[in-house]
């Protein structure tokens, strides 16, 4: 859900005047509704993504920022997602996203049910330094072109096994605590 993130307000400030945010916490939604009461066009709803109450094809753009990761919590292998988790992801977004609509989803999992066959045309990328996030940008109902299809096949393979690093030699002569000058 949206949590207490200012993203909806930030989008409003950038000129997006029709923004709907959901969270399963009534206290959170009440606080956000009060905090941004001065922003017309921001709507807040208490809702669980597993039981969305929006009519089919309500949104042109679905921007989620980690909510779908909740559907992956019980998965033991992000490269081989269970049919149940894949079906949940399909159900959650397919019912509210119009044909040709766009989607943007950063997540902690690479692979799984996202971007593969699921939303048609899409791109994936990785960002972050030591801790990586994965970003999928998708367009529902559009066929994948050849470069995107090849990228998807490559990115949805498990990573190669890590090569163990040799332990670093410790310099027992260095007494760094005594070298600190206060």
Protein backbone atom coordinates (compact mmCIF):
# COMPACT_ATOMS: atom_id res chain seq x y z
CA UNK A 1 0.00 0.00 0.00
CA UNK A 2 0.89 3.66 -0.01
CA UNK A 3 1.87 3.72 3.65
CA UNK A 4 2.82 7.20 4.83
CA UNK A 5 4.84 7.96 1.70
CA UNK A 6 4.62 11.46 0.24
CA UNK A 7 4.71 10.03 -3.31
CA UNK A 8 1.03 10.76 -4.00
CA UNK A 9 1.48 14.36 -2.89
CA UNK A 10 4.69 14.66 -4.90
CA UNK A 11 2.86 13.44 -8.01
CA UNK A 12 0.10 15.98 -7.33
CA UNK A 13 2.70 18.74 -7.07
CA UNK A 14 4.11 17.63 -10.43
CA UNK A 15 0.70 18.13 -12.04
CA UNK A 16 -0.92 14.70 -11.73
CA UNK A 17 -4.32 15.68 -10.39
CA UNK A 18 -6.09 12.32 -10.36
CA UNK A 19 -4.18 10.05 -7.98
CA UNK A 20 -5.69 7.16 -6.01
CA UNK A 21 -3.72 5.62 -3.14
CA UNK A 22 -4.63 2.54 -1.13
CA UNK A 23 -3.41 0.88 2.02
CA UNK A 24 -4.88 -1.84 4.23
CA UNK A 25 -4.36 0.29 7.38
CA UNK A 26 -7.36 2.49 8.28
CA UNK A 27 -5.14 4.59 10.59
CA UNK A 28 -2.65 5.20 7.79
CA UNK A 29 -5.31 6.22 5.28
CA UNK A 30 -7.00 8.52 7.83
CA UNK A 31 -3.67 10.23 8.54
CA UNK A 32 -2.84 10.64 4.84
CA UNK A 33 -6.33 11.91 4.02
CA UNK A 34 -5.98 14.54 6.79
CA UNK A 35 -2.39 15.46 5.86
CA UNK A 36 -3.26 16.12 2.21
CA UNK A 37 -6.85 17.35 2.54
CA UNK A 38 -5.77 20.54 0.76
CA UNK A 39 -4.93 18.61 -2.44
CA UNK A 40 -7.94 18.13 -4.70
CA UNK A 41 -7.67 15.01 -6.82
CA UNK A 42 -5.85 12.91 -4.23
CA UNK A 43 -8.08 10.02 -3.18
CA UNK A 44 -7.42 7.58 -0.36
CA UNK A 45 -9.01 4.16 0.20
CA UNK A 46 -8.62 1.44 2.80
CA UNK A 47 -8.17 -1.68 0.71
CA UNK A 48 -6.21 -4.92 0.51
CA UNK A 49 -4.60 -5.59 -2.88
CA UNK A 50 -5.86 -9.15 -2.71
CA UNK A 51 -9.46 -7.87 -2.71
CA UNK A 52 -9.54 -4.69 -4.78
CA UNK A 53 -12.92 -2.99 -5.02
CA UNK A 54 -12.25 -0.93 -8.15
CA UNK A 55 -14.20 -1.62 -11.34
CA UNK A 56 -12.28 -3.41 -14.10
CA UNK A 57 -10.01 -1.20 -16.22
CA UNK A 58 -10.12 1.75 -13.80
CA UNK A 59 -6.53 2.98 -14.17
CA UNK A 60 -4.36 4.06 -17.11
CA UNK A 61 -1.23 3.83 -14.98
CA UNK A 62 -0.45 1.52 -12.09
CA UNK A 63 2.53 2.63 -10.05
CA UNK A 64 3.33 0.31 -7.19
CA UNK A 65 6.44 0.49 -5.12
CA UNK A 66 7.00 -2.85 -3.49
CA UNK A 67 3.43 -3.84 -2.67
CA UNK A 68 3.57 -6.82 -5.01
CA UNK A 69 6.61 -8.11 -3.13
CA UNK A 70 4.15 -9.05 -0.38
CA UNK A 71 2.75 -11.69 -2.72
CA UNK A 72 6.24 -13.23 -2.95
CA UNK A 73 6.90 -13.56 0.78
CA UNK A 74 6.16 -17.27 0.96
CA UNK A 75 8.06 -18.11 -2.23
CA UNK A 76 11.14 -20.24 -1.69
CA UNK A 77 12.76 -19.46 -5.05
CA UNK A 78 12.24 -16.10 -6.81
CA UNK A 79 13.31 -17.72 -10.10
CA UNK A 80 10.60 -20.38 -9.94
CA UNK A 81 7.53 -18.62 -8.67
CA UNK A 82 4.57 -20.76 -7.71
CA UNK A 83 1.47 -20.72 -9.88
CA UNK A 84 -0.43 -19.28 -6.90
CA UNK A 85 1.85 -16.24 -6.57
CA UNK A 86 1.86 -15.66 -10.33
CA UNK A 87 -1.94 -15.89 -10.41
CA UNK A 88 -2.18 -13.42 -7.51
CA UNK A 89 -0.01 -10.88 -9.34
CA UNK A 90 -2.02 -11.30 -12.52
CA UNK A 91 -5.29 -10.91 -10.66
CA UNK A 92 -4.19 -7.87 -8.66
CA UNK A 93 -3.16 -5.77 -11.66
CA UNK A 94 -5.13 -7.20 -14.57
CA UNK A 95 -8.48 -6.29 -13.13
CA UNK A 96 -7.77 -2.57 -12.67
CA UNK A 97 -5.34 -1.78 -15.47
CA UNK A 98 -6.81 -0.73 -18.83
CA UNK A 99 -5.57 -2.31 -22.06
CA UNK A 100 -2.56 -0.38 -23.31
CA UNK A 101 -2.11 1.10 -19.83
CA UNK A 102 1.32 1.56 -18.38
CA UNK A 103 2.86 0.14 -15.26
CA UNK A 104 5.90 0.96 -13.22
CA UNK A 105 7.05 -1.31 -10.43
CA UNK A 106 10.28 -1.30 -8.46
CA UNK A 107 10.78 -4.45 -6.45
CA UNK A 108 13.22 -6.56 -4.51
CA UNK A 109 12.79 -9.62 -6.73
CA UNK A 110 14.17 -10.02 -10.24
CA UNK A 111 12.29 -12.53 -12.30
CA UNK A 112 9.26 -14.23 -10.91
CA UNK A 113 5.94 -13.34 -12.40
CA UNK A 114 6.70 -9.80 -13.46
CA UNK A 115 7.46 -8.64 -16.96
CA UNK A 116 7.94 -12.15 -18.30
CA UNK A 117 4.74 -12.99 -20.15
CA UNK A 118 2.57 -10.95 -17.95
CA UNK A 119 2.17 -7.44 -19.22
CA UNK A 120 3.41 -7.60 -22.77
CA UNK A 121 5.90 -4.93 -23.71
CA UNK A 122 8.22 -4.17 -20.88
CA UNK A 123 11.72 -3.28 -19.90
CA UNK A 124 13.66 -4.18 -16.82
CA UNK A 125 16.68 -2.60 -15.24
CA UNK A 126 18.65 -2.74 -12.02
CA UNK A 127 19.60 0.22 -9.87
CA UNK A 128 21.35 0.63 -6.58
CA UNK A 129 24.87 0.21 -5.29
CA UNK A 130 25.43 -2.62 -2.86
CA UNK A 131 21.72 -3.41 -2.51
CA UNK A 132 19.94 -3.75 -5.83
CA UNK A 133 16.40 -2.88 -6.70
CA UNK A 134 14.80 -4.03 -9.90
CA UNK A 135 12.55 -1.84 -11.99
CA UNK A 136 9.97 -3.04 -14.47
CA UNK A 137 8.33 -0.60 -16.85
CA UNK A 138 5.48 -2.27 -18.67
CA UNK A 139 2.66 -1.65 -21.11
CA UNK A 140 -0.32 -3.94 -20.84
CA UNK A 141 -1.47 -5.80 -23.93
CA UNK A 142 1.40 -4.80 -26.22
CA UNK A 143 3.53 -7.56 -27.73
CA UNK A 144 7.16 -7.70 -26.77
CA UNK A 145 9.53 -6.64 -29.51
CA UNK A 146 12.61 -8.80 -30.23
CA UNK A 147 15.12 -6.85 -28.04
CA UNK A 148 12.73 -6.80 -25.07
CA UNK A 149 11.94 -10.49 -25.50
CA UNK A 150 15.67 -11.34 -25.55
CA UNK A 151 16.28 -9.11 -22.52
CA UNK A 152 13.43 -10.81 -20.67
CA UNK A 153 14.80 -14.27 -21.41
CA UNK A 154 18.25 -13.26 -20.23
CA UNK A 155 17.07 -11.48 -17.09
CA UNK A 156 14.73 -14.23 -15.99
CA UNK A 157 17.51 -16.75 -15.59
CA UNK A 158 18.91 -17.48 -12.14
CA UNK A 159 22.17 -15.68 -11.46
CA UNK A 160 25.38 -17.69 -11.77
CA UNK A 161 26.68 -19.15 -8.52
CA UNK A 162 28.88 -16.83 -6.52
CA UNK A 163 32.59 -17.55 -6.54
CA UNK A 164 33.83 -17.65 -2.94
CA UNK A 165 36.39 -14.98 -2.19
CA UNK A 166 39.64 -15.86 -0.50
CA UNK A 167 39.72 -14.50 3.05
CA UNK A 168 41.60 -11.26 3.38
CA UNK A 169 44.90 -11.47 5.17
CA UNK A 170 44.72 -9.80 8.56
CA UNK A 171 47.57 -7.58 9.59
CA UNK A 172 48.07 -8.50 13.24
CA UNK A 173 50.72 -5.80 13.66
CA UNK A 174 48.24 -3.00 13.16
CA UNK A 175 46.69 -1.75 16.37
CA UNK A 176 44.21 0.69 14.95
CA UNK A 177 42.58 1.51 18.30
CA UNK A 178 45.82 2.91 19.70
CA UNK A 179 46.41 4.85 16.50
CA UNK A 180 43.23 6.89 16.97
CA UNK A 181 44.07 10.40 18.13
CA UNK A 182 41.32 12.17 20.00
